[in-house]
Amino acid sequence: MELAMVILIMGVLFAMMFGVFFRASEIAREGSPPAEARQRAMLALENMRTAINNTYYMADIERLVFYGNSKRTGTGSMDELTFASVVPGAEESGTPEVREVSFYLAAPDEGSAAQDGYILYRREDQHVDEYPGKGGAHYPMAEGILSLNFKYSYNAKTWYDDEGWNTKKNAALPRLVQIEMIVKVGNAKERLETLASPGLYIN
């Protein structure tokens, strides 16, 4: 009887010790640089999706554009996208609600970043003017981005990739935008993707 009780107590103690060790390992793993890199990339992906969903476009206003520039590299894509987007809650802070937004990759220094990845930036200009893609503030969102690719479609059947998108030529917004990133996470590469749908603020 006493032996059985000792075995039971020892089993409970080992279980508790294992549980603490397992949780500590989880915390260490969640707080590790690879996990942080993945989390930042996922937050950046959601930021891009939300901004594209909030695209503001009126065909008869010339300075409102939706311009996607496709760039291919030896290891992936360095696409850029510029458009006007509604920023919810901006009026409460006394700033314009419609802003010009760009997403693009840039090397962390003057050298090539093919191995370590690029920095993903969000450019935001409070004034939508006749010079799309210029001016404003540039905010770094994530590092270690090996590729950024935007694909555009009217109907989810035909996708435009290498051509990019230009409302000055296409005369309309895409109904779907696929965002794909390849991220360096530790020693591995991970592909993250999501789908955005411009159309909340189209007149």
N, C-alpha and C. Protein backbone atom coordinates (compact mmCIF):
# COMPACT_ATOMS: atom_id res chain seq x y z
N MET A 1 0.83 -1.20 0.00
CA MET A 1 0.00 0.00 0.00
C MET A 1 0.87 1.26 0.00
N GLU A 2 1.85 1.26 0.93
CA GLU A 2 2.74 2.40 1.02
C GLU A 2 3.56 2.55 -0.27
N LEU A 3 3.98 1.42 -0.85
CA LEU A 3 4.74 1.47 -2.09
C LEU A 3 3.91 2.06 -3.22
N ALA A 4 2.65 1.66 -3.26
CA ALA A 4 1.76 2.20 -4.29
C ALA A 4 1.59 3.71 -4.13
N MET A 5 1.49 4.16 -2.88
CA MET A 5 1.34 5.59 -2.61
C MET A 5 2.60 6.35 -3.04
N VAL A 6 3.77 5.79 -2.75
CA VAL A 6 5.02 6.42 -3.14
C VAL A 6 5.11 6.53 -4.65
N ILE A 7 4.74 5.45 -5.32
CA ILE A 7 4.77 5.46 -6.79
C ILE A 7 3.83 6.52 -7.34
N LEU A 8 2.63 6.64 -6.72
CA LEU A 8 1.65 7.62 -7.16
C LEU A 8 2.19 9.04 -6.98
N ILE A 9 2.77 9.30 -5.79
CA ILE A 9 3.32 10.63 -5.51
C ILE A 9 4.46 10.96 -6.46
N MET A 10 5.33 9.98 -6.69
CA MET A 10 6.44 10.21 -7.61
C MET A 10 5.94 10.49 -9.03
N GLY A 11 4.89 9.77 -9.40
CA GLY A 11 4.32 10.00 -10.72
C GLY A 11 3.76 11.40 -10.87
N VAL A 12 3.06 11.87 -9.81
CA VAL A 12 2.51 13.23 -9.84
C VAL A 12 3.63 14.26 -9.92
N LEU A 13 4.69 14.05 -9.13
CA LEU A 13 5.82 14.99 -9.13
C LEU A 13 6.50 15.04 -10.49
N PHE A 14 6.72 13.87 -11.08
CA PHE A 14 7.34 13.84 -12.41
C PHE A 14 6.44 14.54 -13.45
N ALA A 15 5.13 14.31 -13.30
CA ALA A 15 4.20 14.96 -14.23
C ALA A 15 4.26 16.47 -14.10
N MET A 16 4.32 16.95 -12.85
CA MET A 16 4.40 18.39 -12.61
C MET A 16 5.71 18.95 -13.16
N MET A 17 6.81 18.21 -12.92
CA MET A 17 8.11 18.66 -13.41
C MET A 17 8.12 18.71 -14.93
N PHE A 18 7.54 17.70 -15.55
CA PHE A 18 7.49 17.66 -17.01
C PHE A 18 6.64 18.80 -17.55
N GLY A 19 5.51 19.07 -16.85
CA GLY A 19 4.64 20.15 -17.28
C GLY A 19 5.33 21.49 -17.23
N VAL A 20 6.05 21.76 -16.15
CA VAL A 20 6.78 23.02 -16.02
C VAL A 20 7.85 23.12 -17.09
N PHE A 21 8.59 22.03 -17.30
CA PHE A 21 9.65 22.02 -18.32
C PHE A 21 9.06 22.24 -19.71
N PHE A 22 7.92 21.59 -19.98
CA PHE A 22 7.29 21.73 -21.29
C PHE A 22 6.84 23.16 -21.52
N ARG A 23 6.22 23.78 -20.49
CA ARG A 23 5.76 25.15 -20.64
C ARG A 23 6.94 26.10 -20.79
N ALA A 24 8.01 25.86 -20.05
CA ALA A 24 9.19 26.71 -20.17
C ALA A 24 9.78 26.61 -21.57
N SER A 25 9.76 25.40 -22.12
CA SER A 25 10.26 25.22 -23.48
C SER A 25 9.38 25.95 -24.48
N GLU A 26 8.05 25.92 -24.25
CA GLU A 26 7.14 26.62 -25.13
C GLU A 26 7.37 28.13 -25.09
N ILE A 27 7.57 28.65 -23.88
CA ILE A 27 7.82 30.08 -23.73
C ILE A 27 9.11 30.47 -24.43
N ALA A 28 10.14 29.66 -24.23
CA ALA A 28 11.43 29.95 -24.87
C ALA A 28 11.30 29.91 -26.38
N ARG A 29 10.52 28.93 -26.87
CA ARG A 29 10.36 28.82 -28.31
C ARG A 29 9.54 29.97 -28.87
N GLU A 30 8.47 30.37 -28.16
CA GLU A 30 7.63 31.47 -28.62
C GLU A 30 8.39 32.78 -28.61
N GLY A 31 9.34 32.91 -27.71
CA GLY A 31 10.09 34.15 -27.61
C GLY A 31 11.39 34.13 -28.38
N SER A 32 11.63 33.09 -29.13
CA SER A 32 12.87 32.97 -29.88
C SER A 32 12.84 33.88 -31.09
N PRO A 33 14.01 34.24 -31.62
CA PRO A 33 14.06 35.10 -32.81
C PRO A 33 13.27 34.56 -33.99
N PRO A 34 13.32 33.25 -34.31
CA PRO A 34 12.50 32.77 -35.44
C PRO A 34 11.01 33.01 -35.23
N ALA A 35 10.53 32.78 -34.00
CA ALA A 35 9.11 33.00 -33.73
C ALA A 35 8.75 34.47 -33.86
N GLU A 36 9.62 35.34 -33.41
CA GLU A 36 9.37 36.77 -33.51
C GLU A 36 9.38 37.22 -34.97
N ALA A 37 10.30 36.67 -35.75
CA ALA A 37 10.36 37.01 -37.18
C ALA A 37 9.07 36.59 -37.88
N ARG A 38 8.58 35.40 -37.56
CA ARG A 38 7.34 34.91 -38.16
C ARG A 38 6.16 35.79 -37.74
N GLN A 39 6.11 36.14 -36.47
CA GLN A 39 5.01 36.95 -35.97
C GLN A 39 4.99 38.33 -36.63
N ARG A 40 6.16 38.96 -36.75
CA ARG A 40 6.21 40.27 -37.39
C ARG A 40 5.76 40.18 -38.85
N ALA A 41 6.18 39.12 -39.54
CA ALA A 41 5.79 38.95 -40.94
C ALA A 41 4.28 38.75 -41.07
N MET A 42 3.68 37.99 -40.15
CA MET A 42 2.24 37.75 -40.20
C MET A 42 1.46 39.02 -39.90
N LEU A 43 1.96 39.83 -38.96
CA LEU A 43 1.31 41.10 -38.67
C LEU A 43 1.41 42.04 -39.86
N ALA A 44 2.56 42.04 -40.53
CA ALA A 44 2.73 42.87 -41.72
C ALA A 44 1.79 42.42 -42.84
N LEU A 45 1.61 41.11 -42.98
CA LEU A 45 0.71 40.57 -43.99
C LEU A 45 -0.72 41.04 -43.73
N GLU A 46 -1.13 41.01 -42.48
CA GLU A 46 -2.48 41.46 -42.12
C GLU A 46 -2.62 42.96 -42.33
N ASN A 47 -1.56 43.71 -42.06
CA ASN A 47 -1.59 45.15 -42.28
C ASN A 47 -1.81 45.46 -43.76
N MET A 48 -1.11 44.74 -44.63
CA MET A 48 -1.27 44.95 -46.06
C MET A 48 -2.67 44.56 -46.51
N ARG A 49 -3.18 43.45 -46.02
CA ARG A 49 -4.51 42.99 -46.41
C ARG A 49 -5.58 44.02 -46.02
N THR A 50 -5.48 44.54 -44.80
CA THR A 50 -6.46 45.52 -44.34
C THR A 50 -6.40 46.79 -45.17
N ALA A 51 -5.19 47.26 -45.44
CA ALA A 51 -5.04 48.49 -46.23
C ALA A 51 -5.61 48.32 -47.63
N ILE A 52 -5.36 47.17 -48.25
CA ILE A 52 -5.88 46.93 -49.61
C ILE A 52 -7.40 46.81 -49.59
N ASN A 53 -7.94 46.15 -48.57
CA ASN A 53 -9.40 46.07 -48.44
C ASN A 53 -10.02 47.46 -48.35
N ASN A 54 -9.30 48.40 -47.75
CA ASN A 54 -9.81 49.76 -47.54
C ASN A 54 -9.42 50.72 -48.67
N THR A 55 -9.07 50.15 -49.83
CA THR A 55 -8.71 50.99 -50.98
C THR A 55 -9.82 52.00 -51.30
N TYR A 56 -9.41 53.24 -51.52
CA TYR A 56 -10.35 54.30 -51.90
C TYR A 56 -10.07 54.66 -53.36
N TYR A 57 -11.11 54.57 -54.19
CA TYR A 57 -10.89 54.81 -55.62
C TYR A 57 -12.12 55.42 -56.28
N MET A 58 -11.90 56.47 -57.04
CA MET A 58 -12.92 57.08 -57.89
C MET A 58 -12.29 57.30 -59.25
N ALA A 59 -12.84 56.69 -60.26
CA ALA A 59 -12.22 56.69 -61.59
C ALA A 59 -12.07 58.09 -62.17
N ASP A 60 -12.94 59.02 -61.78
CA ASP A 60 -12.89 60.36 -62.37
C ASP A 60 -11.94 61.31 -61.63
N ILE A 61 -11.28 60.84 -60.58
CA ILE A 61 -10.28 61.65 -59.89
C ILE A 61 -8.91 61.13 -60.30
N GLU A 62 -8.19 61.92 -61.05
CA GLU A 62 -6.96 61.45 -61.70
C GLU A 62 -5.87 61.07 -60.70
N ARG A 63 -5.79 61.75 -59.58
CA ARG A 63 -4.70 61.47 -58.65
C ARG A 63 -4.91 60.19 -57.84
N LEU A 64 -6.11 59.62 -57.91
CA LEU A 64 -6.37 58.35 -57.24
C LEU A 64 -5.96 57.21 -58.17
N VAL A 65 -4.95 56.48 -57.77
CA VAL A 65 -4.45 55.39 -58.61
C VAL A 65 -4.34 54.10 -57.78
N PHE A 66 -4.28 53.01 -58.49
CA PHE A 66 -3.94 51.72 -57.90
C PHE A 66 -2.87 51.15 -58.80
N TYR A 67 -1.63 51.28 -58.35
CA TYR A 67 -0.49 50.97 -59.22
C TYR A 67 0.38 49.89 -58.59
N GLY A 68 0.41 48.74 -59.24
CA GLY A 68 1.25 47.64 -58.80
C GLY A 68 2.37 47.41 -59.80
N ASN A 69 3.59 47.49 -59.33
CA ASN A 69 4.77 47.32 -60.18
C ASN A 69 5.42 45.97 -59.87
N SER A 70 5.50 45.12 -60.87
CA SER A 70 6.07 43.79 -60.69
C SER A 70 7.56 43.80 -60.98
N LYS A 71 8.34 43.31 -60.03
CA LYS A 71 9.80 43.24 -60.20
C LYS A 71 10.28 41.83 -59.86
N ARG A 72 11.00 41.22 -60.76
CA ARG A 72 11.54 39.89 -60.55
C ARG A 72 13.02 39.97 -60.21
N THR A 73 13.45 39.13 -59.27
CA THR A 73 14.86 39.02 -58.93
C THR A 73 15.28 37.58 -59.18
N GLY A 74 16.54 37.30 -58.95
CA GLY A 74 17.02 35.93 -59.15
C GLY A 74 16.46 34.95 -58.15
N THR A 75 15.98 35.46 -57.01
CA THR A 75 15.50 34.58 -55.95
C THR A 75 14.01 34.72 -55.66
N GLY A 76 13.35 35.65 -56.32
CA GLY A 76 11.93 35.84 -56.02
C GLY A 76 11.39 37.11 -56.65
N SER A 77 10.56 37.83 -55.89
CA SER A 77 9.93 39.05 -56.38
C SER A 77 10.15 40.19 -55.41
N MET A 78 10.21 41.38 -55.95
CA MET A 78 10.27 42.61 -55.15
C MET A 78 9.19 43.56 -55.64
N ASP A 79 7.95 43.10 -55.62
CA ASP A 79 6.84 43.89 -56.12
C ASP A 79 6.60 45.12 -55.24
N GLU A 80 6.01 46.14 -55.85
CA GLU A 80 5.62 47.35 -55.14
C GLU A 80 4.15 47.63 -55.44
N LEU A 81 3.47 48.23 -54.48
CA LEU A 81 2.06 48.56 -54.67
C LEU A 81 1.77 49.91 -54.04
N THR A 82 1.13 50.80 -54.80
CA THR A 82 0.76 52.13 -54.32
C THR A 82 -0.71 52.38 -54.60
N PHE A 83 -1.42 52.93 -53.63
CA PHE A 83 -2.85 53.18 -53.77
C PHE A 83 -3.31 54.12 -52.65
N ALA A 84 -4.53 54.63 -52.77
CA ALA A 84 -5.14 55.43 -51.71
C ALA A 84 -5.96 54.50 -50.82
N SER A 85 -5.84 54.70 -49.52
CA SER A 85 -6.51 53.81 -48.57
C SER A 85 -7.14 54.62 -47.45
N VAL A 86 -8.29 54.15 -47.00
CA VAL A 86 -8.98 54.79 -45.88
C VAL A 86 -8.39 54.25 -44.58
N VAL A 87 -7.99 55.16 -43.69
CA VAL A 87 -7.45 54.78 -42.39
C VAL A 87 -8.52 55.04 -41.34
N PRO A 88 -9.20 54.01 -40.85
CA PRO A 88 -10.27 54.22 -39.87
C PRO A 88 -9.77 54.91 -38.61
N GLY A 89 -10.57 55.86 -38.12
CA GLY A 89 -10.22 56.56 -36.88
C GLY A 89 -9.28 57.72 -37.06
N ALA A 90 -8.83 57.98 -38.30
CA ALA A 90 -7.87 59.06 -38.52
C ALA A 90 -8.46 60.42 -38.21
N GLU A 91 -9.75 60.61 -38.53
CA GLU A 91 -10.38 61.90 -38.31
C GLU A 91 -10.40 62.28 -36.83
N GLU A 92 -10.47 61.28 -35.96
CA GLU A 92 -10.48 61.56 -34.53
C GLU A 92 -9.19 62.20 -34.07
N SER A 93 -8.10 61.93 -34.78
CA SER A 93 -6.81 62.53 -34.43
C SER A 93 -6.53 63.79 -35.24
N GLY A 94 -7.51 64.21 -36.03
CA GLY A 94 -7.35 65.43 -36.80
C GLY A 94 -6.50 65.28 -38.04
N THR A 95 -6.32 64.07 -38.53
CA THR A 95 -5.52 63.83 -39.73
C THR A 95 -6.41 63.30 -40.85
N PRO A 96 -5.99 63.43 -42.11
CA PRO A 96 -6.82 62.98 -43.22
C PRO A 96 -7.13 61.48 -43.13
N GLU A 97 -8.36 61.14 -43.47
CA GLU A 97 -8.78 59.74 -43.41
C GLU A 97 -8.29 58.96 -44.62
N VAL A 98 -8.23 59.61 -45.77
CA VAL A 98 -7.74 58.97 -46.99
C VAL A 98 -6.27 59.33 -47.18
N ARG A 99 -5.43 58.32 -47.28
CA ARG A 99 -3.99 58.55 -47.41
C ARG A 99 -3.43 57.70 -48.55
N GLU A 100 -2.30 58.15 -49.05
CA GLU A 100 -1.61 57.37 -50.08
C GLU A 100 -0.66 56.39 -49.40
N VAL A 101 -0.77 55.14 -49.75
CA VAL A 101 -0.02 54.07 -49.09
C VAL A 101 0.77 53.29 -50.12
N SER A 102 1.98 52.91 -49.76
CA SER A 102 2.80 52.02 -50.61
C SER A 102 3.39 50.92 -49.75
N PHE A 103 3.59 49.77 -50.37
CA PHE A 103 4.32 48.67 -49.74
C PHE A 103 5.44 48.25 -50.69
N TYR A 104 6.64 48.08 -50.14
CA TYR A 104 7.79 47.75 -50.98
C TYR A 104 8.90 47.14 -50.13
N LEU A 105 9.85 46.50 -50.79
CA LEU A 105 11.02 45.93 -50.13
C LEU A 105 12.24 46.79 -50.42
N ALA A 106 13.15 46.86 -49.46
CA ALA A 106 14.41 47.57 -49.66
C ALA A 106 15.50 46.85 -48.89
N ALA A 107 16.71 46.89 -49.44
CA ALA A 107 17.85 46.25 -48.78
C ALA A 107 18.20 47.01 -47.51
N PRO A 108 18.65 46.31 -46.47
CA PRO A 108 19.02 46.98 -45.22
C PRO A 108 20.25 47.86 -45.36
N ASP A 109 21.04 47.63 -46.39
CA ASP A 109 22.20 48.48 -46.67
C ASP A 109 22.39 48.55 -48.17
N GLU A 110 23.49 49.07 -48.59
CA GLU A 110 23.71 49.24 -50.02
C GLU A 110 24.04 47.92 -50.73
N GLY A 111 24.42 46.91 -49.98
CA GLY A 111 24.76 45.64 -50.59
C GLY A 111 23.53 44.81 -50.92
N SER A 112 23.74 43.67 -51.52
CA SER A 112 22.66 42.77 -51.87
C SER A 112 22.14 42.08 -50.62
N ALA A 113 20.82 41.88 -50.58
CA ALA A 113 20.20 41.24 -49.43
C ALA A 113 19.60 39.89 -49.80
N ALA A 114 20.11 39.28 -50.86
CA ALA A 114 19.54 38.03 -51.33
C ALA A 114 19.62 36.92 -50.29
N GLN A 115 20.65 36.94 -49.45
CA GLN A 115 20.83 35.88 -48.46
C GLN A 115 20.04 36.15 -47.18
N ASP A 116 20.16 37.35 -46.65
CA ASP A 116 19.55 37.67 -45.36
C ASP A 116 18.15 38.25 -45.48
N GLY A 117 17.74 38.62 -46.66
CA GLY A 117 16.40 39.15 -46.84
C GLY A 117 16.35 40.67 -46.84
N TYR A 118 15.20 41.16 -47.22
CA TYR A 118 14.97 42.60 -47.32
C TYR A 118 14.09 43.07 -46.16
N ILE A 119 13.96 44.39 -46.07
CA ILE A 119 13.05 44.99 -45.10
C ILE A 119 11.77 45.38 -45.83
N LEU A 120 10.64 45.02 -45.26
CA LEU A 120 9.34 45.41 -45.81
C LEU A 120 8.93 46.75 -45.21
N TYR A 121 8.64 47.71 -46.08
CA TYR A 121 8.26 49.05 -45.64
C TYR A 121 6.81 49.36 -46.02
N ARG A 122 6.21 50.17 -45.18
CA ARG A 122 4.93 50.81 -45.50
C ARG A 122 5.20 52.31 -45.60
N ARG A 123 4.94 52.86 -46.78
CA ARG A 123 5.06 54.31 -46.96
C ARG A 123 3.67 54.91 -46.85
N GLU A 124 3.55 55.96 -46.07
CA GLU A 124 2.24 56.58 -45.86
C GLU A 124 2.35 58.09 -46.01
N ASP A 125 1.56 58.63 -46.92
CA ASP A 125 1.53 60.06 -47.18
C ASP A 125 0.12 60.56 -46.85
N GLN A 126 0.02 61.55 -45.98
CA GLN A 126 -1.29 62.06 -45.59
C GLN A 126 -1.97 62.84 -46.71
N HIS A 127 -1.23 63.14 -47.76
CA HIS A 127 -1.80 63.89 -48.88
C HIS A 127 -1.74 63.04 -50.15
N VAL A 128 -2.89 62.80 -50.73
CA VAL A 128 -2.96 62.07 -52.00
C VAL A 128 -2.78 63.10 -53.11
N ASP A 129 -1.60 63.13 -53.71
CA ASP A 129 -1.31 64.15 -54.71
C ASP A 129 -1.06 63.51 -56.07
N GLU A 130 -0.56 64.33 -56.99
CA GLU A 130 -0.33 63.85 -58.36
C GLU A 130 1.00 63.15 -58.52
N TYR A 131 1.69 62.89 -57.42
CA TYR A 131 2.98 62.19 -57.48
C TYR A 131 2.90 60.90 -56.67
N PRO A 132 2.20 59.90 -57.17
CA PRO A 132 2.04 58.65 -56.41
C PRO A 132 3.37 57.95 -56.18
N GLY A 133 3.53 57.44 -54.98
CA GLY A 133 4.75 56.70 -54.65
C GLY A 133 5.87 57.55 -54.11
N LYS A 134 5.64 58.86 -54.00
CA LYS A 134 6.70 59.76 -53.53
C LYS A 134 6.23 60.52 -52.29
N GLY A 135 7.21 60.87 -51.45
CA GLY A 135 6.91 61.64 -50.25
C GLY A 135 6.37 60.76 -49.13
N GLY A 136 5.98 61.40 -48.05
CA GLY A 136 5.42 60.67 -46.92
C GLY A 136 6.47 60.09 -46.00
N ALA A 137 6.01 59.32 -45.03
CA ALA A 137 6.89 58.67 -44.06
C ALA A 137 7.00 57.19 -44.39
N HIS A 138 8.17 56.63 -44.13
CA HIS A 138 8.44 55.22 -44.45
C HIS A 138 8.64 54.45 -43.14
N TYR A 139 7.79 53.44 -42.93
CA TYR A 139 7.82 52.68 -41.69
C TYR A 139 8.26 51.23 -41.95
N PRO A 140 9.34 50.77 -41.31
CA PRO A 140 9.72 49.35 -41.46
C PRO A 140 8.72 48.46 -40.74
N MET A 141 8.31 47.38 -41.39
CA MET A 141 7.30 46.49 -40.82
C MET A 141 7.86 45.12 -40.46
N ALA A 142 8.76 44.60 -41.27
CA ALA A 142 9.30 43.26 -41.02
C ALA A 142 10.64 43.13 -41.73
N GLU A 143 11.49 42.27 -41.19
CA GLU A 143 12.80 42.01 -41.78
C GLU A 143 12.89 40.56 -42.25
N GLY A 144 13.94 40.28 -43.01
CA GLY A 144 14.15 38.92 -43.48
C GLY A 144 13.16 38.48 -44.54
N ILE A 145 12.61 39.43 -45.29
CA ILE A 145 11.66 39.10 -46.35
C ILE A 145 12.44 38.79 -47.63
N LEU A 146 12.33 37.58 -48.10
CA LEU A 146 13.06 37.15 -49.29
C LEU A 146 12.32 37.46 -50.59
N SER A 147 10.99 37.56 -50.50
CA SER A 147 10.20 37.80 -51.70
C SER A 147 8.86 38.40 -51.32
N LEU A 148 8.39 39.35 -52.12
CA LEU A 148 7.05 39.94 -51.96
C LEU A 148 6.40 39.97 -53.33
N ASN A 149 5.25 39.30 -53.44
CA ASN A 149 4.60 39.15 -54.73
C ASN A 149 3.11 39.48 -54.61
N PHE A 150 2.63 40.35 -55.50
CA PHE A 150 1.20 40.66 -55.59
C PHE A 150 0.66 40.11 -56.90
N LYS A 151 -0.49 39.44 -56.81
CA LYS A 151 -1.19 38.97 -58.00
C LYS A 151 -2.59 39.56 -58.00
N TYR A 152 -3.08 39.90 -59.20
CA TYR A 152 -4.34 40.63 -59.31
C TYR A 152 -5.33 39.89 -60.20
N SER A 153 -6.61 40.01 -59.86
CA SER A 153 -7.62 39.31 -60.65
C SER A 153 -8.96 40.04 -60.59
N TYR A 154 -9.72 39.93 -61.69
CA TYR A 154 -11.10 40.41 -61.71
C TYR A 154 -12.05 39.36 -61.15
N ASN A 155 -11.73 38.08 -61.42
CA ASN A 155 -12.73 37.03 -61.21
C ASN A 155 -12.19 35.77 -60.53
N ALA A 156 -10.97 35.79 -60.05
CA ALA A 156 -10.33 34.64 -59.40
C ALA A 156 -10.02 33.51 -60.38
N LYS A 157 -10.22 33.75 -61.67
CA LYS A 157 -9.88 32.75 -62.68
C LYS A 157 -8.61 33.16 -63.43
N THR A 158 -8.59 34.38 -63.90
CA THR A 158 -7.42 34.92 -64.60
C THR A 158 -6.66 35.83 -63.66
N TRP A 159 -5.38 35.51 -63.46
CA TRP A 159 -4.55 36.30 -62.55
C TRP A 159 -3.45 37.02 -63.33
N TYR A 160 -3.21 38.26 -62.95
CA TYR A 160 -2.17 39.07 -63.56
C TYR A 160 -1.02 39.19 -62.58
N ASP A 161 0.14 38.72 -63.00
CA ASP A 161 1.29 38.66 -62.12
C ASP A 161 2.43 39.51 -62.66
N ASP A 162 3.04 39.08 -63.74
CA ASP A 162 4.18 39.80 -64.30
C ASP A 162 3.80 41.19 -64.81
N GLU A 163 2.53 41.37 -65.18
CA GLU A 163 2.11 42.65 -65.75
C GLU A 163 1.91 43.72 -64.69
N GLY A 164 1.74 43.32 -63.43
CA GLY A 164 1.40 44.28 -62.40
C GLY A 164 -0.02 44.78 -62.60
N TRP A 165 -0.29 46.02 -62.15
CA TRP A 165 -1.63 46.60 -62.32
C TRP A 165 -1.51 48.11 -62.36
N ASN A 166 -2.28 48.73 -63.22
CA ASN A 166 -2.25 50.19 -63.35
C ASN A 166 -3.64 50.66 -63.76
N THR A 167 -4.32 51.39 -62.87
CA THR A 167 -5.67 51.85 -63.19
C THR A 167 -5.67 52.88 -64.32
N LYS A 168 -4.53 53.45 -64.63
CA LYS A 168 -4.46 54.36 -65.77
C LYS A 168 -4.59 53.60 -67.09
N LYS A 169 -4.26 52.31 -67.05
CA LYS A 169 -4.36 51.48 -68.25
C LYS A 169 -5.54 50.51 -68.16
N ASN A 170 -5.72 49.91 -66.99
CA ASN A 170 -6.79 48.93 -66.83
C ASN A 170 -8.15 49.59 -66.60
N ALA A 171 -8.14 50.85 -66.14
CA ALA A 171 -9.36 51.64 -65.94
C ALA A 171 -10.31 51.04 -64.91
N ALA A 172 -9.83 50.15 -64.08
CA ALA A 172 -10.66 49.57 -63.03
C ALA A 172 -9.76 48.94 -61.97
N LEU A 173 -10.34 48.73 -60.81
CA LEU A 173 -9.61 48.06 -59.74
C LEU A 173 -9.71 46.55 -59.90
N PRO A 174 -8.71 45.82 -59.46
CA PRO A 174 -8.86 44.37 -59.37
C PRO A 174 -9.83 44.05 -58.23
N ARG A 175 -10.54 42.98 -58.36
CA ARG A 175 -11.47 42.58 -57.30
C ARG A 175 -10.78 41.73 -56.24
N LEU A 176 -9.66 41.13 -56.63
CA LEU A 176 -8.91 40.29 -55.69
C LEU A 176 -7.42 40.59 -55.82
N VAL A 177 -6.74 40.61 -54.70
CA VAL A 177 -5.29 40.77 -54.68
C VAL A 177 -4.71 39.68 -53.78
N GLN A 178 -3.90 38.81 -54.36
CA GLN A 178 -3.22 37.79 -53.58
C GLN A 178 -1.85 38.33 -53.15
N ILE A 179 -1.59 38.25 -51.86
CA ILE A 179 -0.31 38.71 -51.31
C ILE A 179 0.48 37.49 -50.88
N GLU A 180 1.68 37.38 -51.39
CA GLU A 180 2.53 36.23 -51.04
C GLU A 180 3.90 36.74 -50.61
N MET A 181 4.34 36.28 -49.45
CA MET A 181 5.67 36.62 -48.96
C MET A 181 6.44 35.35 -48.66
N ILE A 182 7.73 35.38 -48.93
CA ILE A 182 8.64 34.33 -48.48
C ILE A 182 9.54 34.95 -47.43
N VAL A 183 9.54 34.35 -46.26
CA VAL A 183 10.20 34.93 -45.10
C VAL A 183 11.30 34.00 -44.61
N LYS A 184 12.41 34.57 -44.22
CA LYS A 184 13.48 33.80 -43.61
C LYS A 184 13.18 33.66 -42.13
N VAL A 185 12.95 32.43 -41.68
CA VAL A 185 12.65 32.15 -40.28
C VAL A 185 13.73 31.21 -39.76
N GLY A 186 14.68 31.74 -39.02
CA GLY A 186 15.81 30.93 -38.60
C GLY A 186 16.63 30.55 -39.82
N ASN A 187 16.85 29.26 -39.99
CA ASN A 187 17.58 28.77 -41.16
C ASN A 187 16.65 28.27 -42.25
N ALA A 188 15.36 28.46 -42.05
CA ALA A 188 14.37 27.95 -43.00
C ALA A 188 13.68 29.11 -43.73
N LYS A 189 12.96 28.75 -44.78
CA LYS A 189 12.14 29.71 -45.53
C LYS A 189 10.68 29.31 -45.38
N GLU A 190 9.83 30.29 -45.12
CA GLU A 190 8.41 30.02 -44.98
C GLU A 190 7.62 30.92 -45.93
N ARG A 191 6.58 30.33 -46.51
CA ARG A 191 5.72 31.10 -47.42
C ARG A 191 4.44 31.48 -46.68
N LEU A 192 4.14 32.76 -46.68
CA LEU A 192 2.92 33.27 -46.07
C LEU A 192 2.09 33.94 -47.16
N GLU A 193 0.80 33.71 -47.15
CA GLU A 193 -0.04 34.34 -48.16
C GLU A 193 -1.43 34.61 -47.63
N THR A 194 -2.08 35.58 -48.22
CA THR A 194 -3.45 35.93 -47.87
C THR A 194 -4.12 36.55 -49.08
N LEU A 195 -5.40 36.81 -48.97
CA LEU A 195 -6.18 37.34 -50.08
C LEU A 195 -6.90 38.60 -49.63
N ALA A 196 -6.74 39.67 -50.39
CA ALA A 196 -7.43 40.93 -50.09
C ALA A 196 -8.45 41.21 -51.19
N SER A 197 -9.45 42.02 -50.84
CA SER A 197 -10.51 42.33 -51.79
C SER A 197 -10.84 43.82 -51.74
N PRO A 198 -10.23 44.63 -52.63
CA PRO A 198 -10.57 46.05 -52.69
C PRO A 198 -12.04 46.21 -53.06
N GLY A 199 -12.69 47.20 -52.49
CA GLY A 199 -14.09 47.40 -52.87
C GLY A 199 -14.95 48.07 -51.82
N LEU A 200 -14.42 48.29 -50.61
CA LEU A 200 -15.22 48.92 -49.57
C LEU A 200 -15.50 50.38 -49.88
N TYR A 201 -14.54 51.03 -50.55
CA TYR A 201 -14.67 52.47 -50.80
C TYR A 201 -14.45 52.78 -52.28
N ILE A 202 -15.28 52.20 -53.13
CA ILE A 202 -15.21 52.44 -54.56
C ILE A 202 -16.46 53.20 -55.00
N ASN A 203 -16.25 54.29 -55.72
CA ASN A 203 -17.37 55.08 -56.23
C ASN A 203 -17.31 55.17 -57.75
